[in-house]
Amino acid sequence: MPQGRASLERTEWLCETGAERSGTRLIFVLESRAPGTLVRFTHAGWKSQSDYFVFCTTLWGELMFRLKAEAEGKPRGPLFTPDGIGY
């Protein structure tokens, strides 16, 4: 759910569900950098570094690599498939 003040450069979402992620925040910051845009992403507010935390950080990392590849015209295909996660 969007949280706080959103702008063209920064937005923050509050996670409201899930035992471990509830209360955590997803923060996206966009910075102009020649010749493109830098995306800074943070998933903040974790209570502990559990197995689920490791899964989420790995998943977000893979999503960011896919976003970069798509922006550069080198799509890697979907991460989420009918059979699960397509690492």
Protein backbone atom coordinates (compact mmCIF):
# COMPACT_ATOMS: atom_id res chain seq x y z
CA MET A 1 0.00 0.00 0.00
CA PRO A 2 1.40 3.44 -0.87
CA GLN A 3 2.76 5.17 2.21
CA GLY A 4 3.91 8.70 2.83
CA ARG A 5 4.32 11.19 0.04
CA ALA A 6 4.97 9.86 -3.45
CA SER A 7 6.78 11.89 -6.06
CA LEU A 8 8.26 11.28 -9.47
CA GLU A 9 11.61 10.63 -7.77
CA ARG A 10 10.58 8.59 -4.69
CA THR A 11 7.75 6.38 -3.52
CA GLU A 12 7.31 4.19 -0.47
CA TRP A 13 4.91 1.31 0.11
CA LEU A 14 4.01 -0.25 3.45
CA CYS A 15 3.57 -4.04 3.56
CA GLU A 16 0.43 -4.85 5.54
CA THR A 17 0.24 -8.63 5.25
CA GLY A 18 2.48 -11.59 5.96
CA ALA A 19 3.80 -12.50 9.38
CA GLU A 20 7.40 -11.53 8.64
CA ARG A 21 6.98 -8.75 6.09
CA SER A 22 4.07 -6.87 7.72
CA GLY A 23 5.31 -3.41 8.67
CA THR A 24 8.26 -3.50 6.28
CA ARG A 25 8.61 -0.75 3.67
CA LEU A 26 9.38 -0.91 -0.04
CA ILE A 27 11.22 2.25 -1.10
CA PHE A 28 11.95 3.17 -4.71
CA VAL A 29 14.15 6.18 -5.50
CA LEU A 30 14.83 7.25 -9.11
CA GLU A 31 17.87 9.38 -9.95
CA SER A 32 18.72 10.84 -13.34
CA ARG A 33 22.13 9.59 -14.45
CA ALA A 34 23.46 10.05 -17.94
CA PRO A 35 22.58 8.29 -20.13
CA GLY A 36 19.57 6.91 -18.18
CA THR A 37 18.01 6.49 -14.75
CA LEU A 38 19.38 4.86 -11.60
CA VAL A 39 16.82 2.88 -9.57
CA ARG A 40 17.58 2.56 -5.86
CA PHE A 41 15.44 -0.01 -4.10
CA THR A 42 15.21 -0.78 -0.39
CA HIS A 43 13.04 -3.29 1.45
CA ALA A 44 13.41 -1.84 4.95
CA GLY A 45 12.25 -2.65 8.44
CA TRP A 46 12.81 -6.39 8.70
CA LYS A 47 12.68 -7.68 12.28
CA SER A 48 15.20 -10.48 11.68
CA GLN A 49 17.27 -12.19 9.00
CA SER A 50 15.20 -15.36 8.71
CA ASP A 51 15.02 -17.84 5.83
CA TYR A 52 12.08 -15.82 4.47
CA PHE A 53 14.18 -12.64 4.59
CA VAL A 54 16.88 -14.40 2.52
CA PHE A 55 14.25 -15.63 0.04
CA CYS A 56 12.80 -12.11 -0.36
CA THR A 57 16.16 -10.39 -0.83
CA THR A 58 17.17 -12.99 -3.42
CA LEU A 59 13.85 -12.56 -5.21
CA TRP A 60 14.12 -8.75 -5.23
CA GLY A 61 17.67 -9.01 -6.57
CA GLU A 62 16.51 -11.21 -9.43
CA LEU A 63 13.65 -8.82 -10.20
CA MET A 64 16.06 -5.86 -10.32
CA PHE A 65 18.40 -7.74 -12.72
CA ARG A 66 15.39 -8.50 -14.93
CA LEU A 67 14.26 -4.87 -14.83
CA LYS A 68 17.76 -3.75 -15.89
CA ALA A 69 17.90 -6.32 -18.69
CA GLU A 70 14.48 -5.26 -19.98
CA ALA A 71 15.47 -1.57 -19.92
CA GLU A 72 18.60 -2.44 -21.93
CA GLY A 73 16.58 -4.39 -24.52
CA LYS A 74 17.78 -7.81 -23.33
CA PRO A 75 14.66 -9.34 -21.74
CA ARG A 76 15.16 -12.50 -19.69
CA GLY A 77 11.51 -13.58 -19.66
CA PRO A 78 9.12 -13.91 -16.76
CA LEU A 79 10.34 -14.75 -13.26
CA PHE A 80 6.97 -16.01 -12.08
CA THR A 81 5.74 -19.01 -14.06
CA PRO A 82 2.75 -21.34 -13.63
CA ASP A 83 5.17 -23.91 -12.18
CA GLY A 84 6.76 -21.55 -9.64
CA ILE A 85 9.71 -19.20 -9.79
CA GLY A 86 11.92 -19.39 -12.88
CA TYR A 87 15.38 -18.46 -11.61
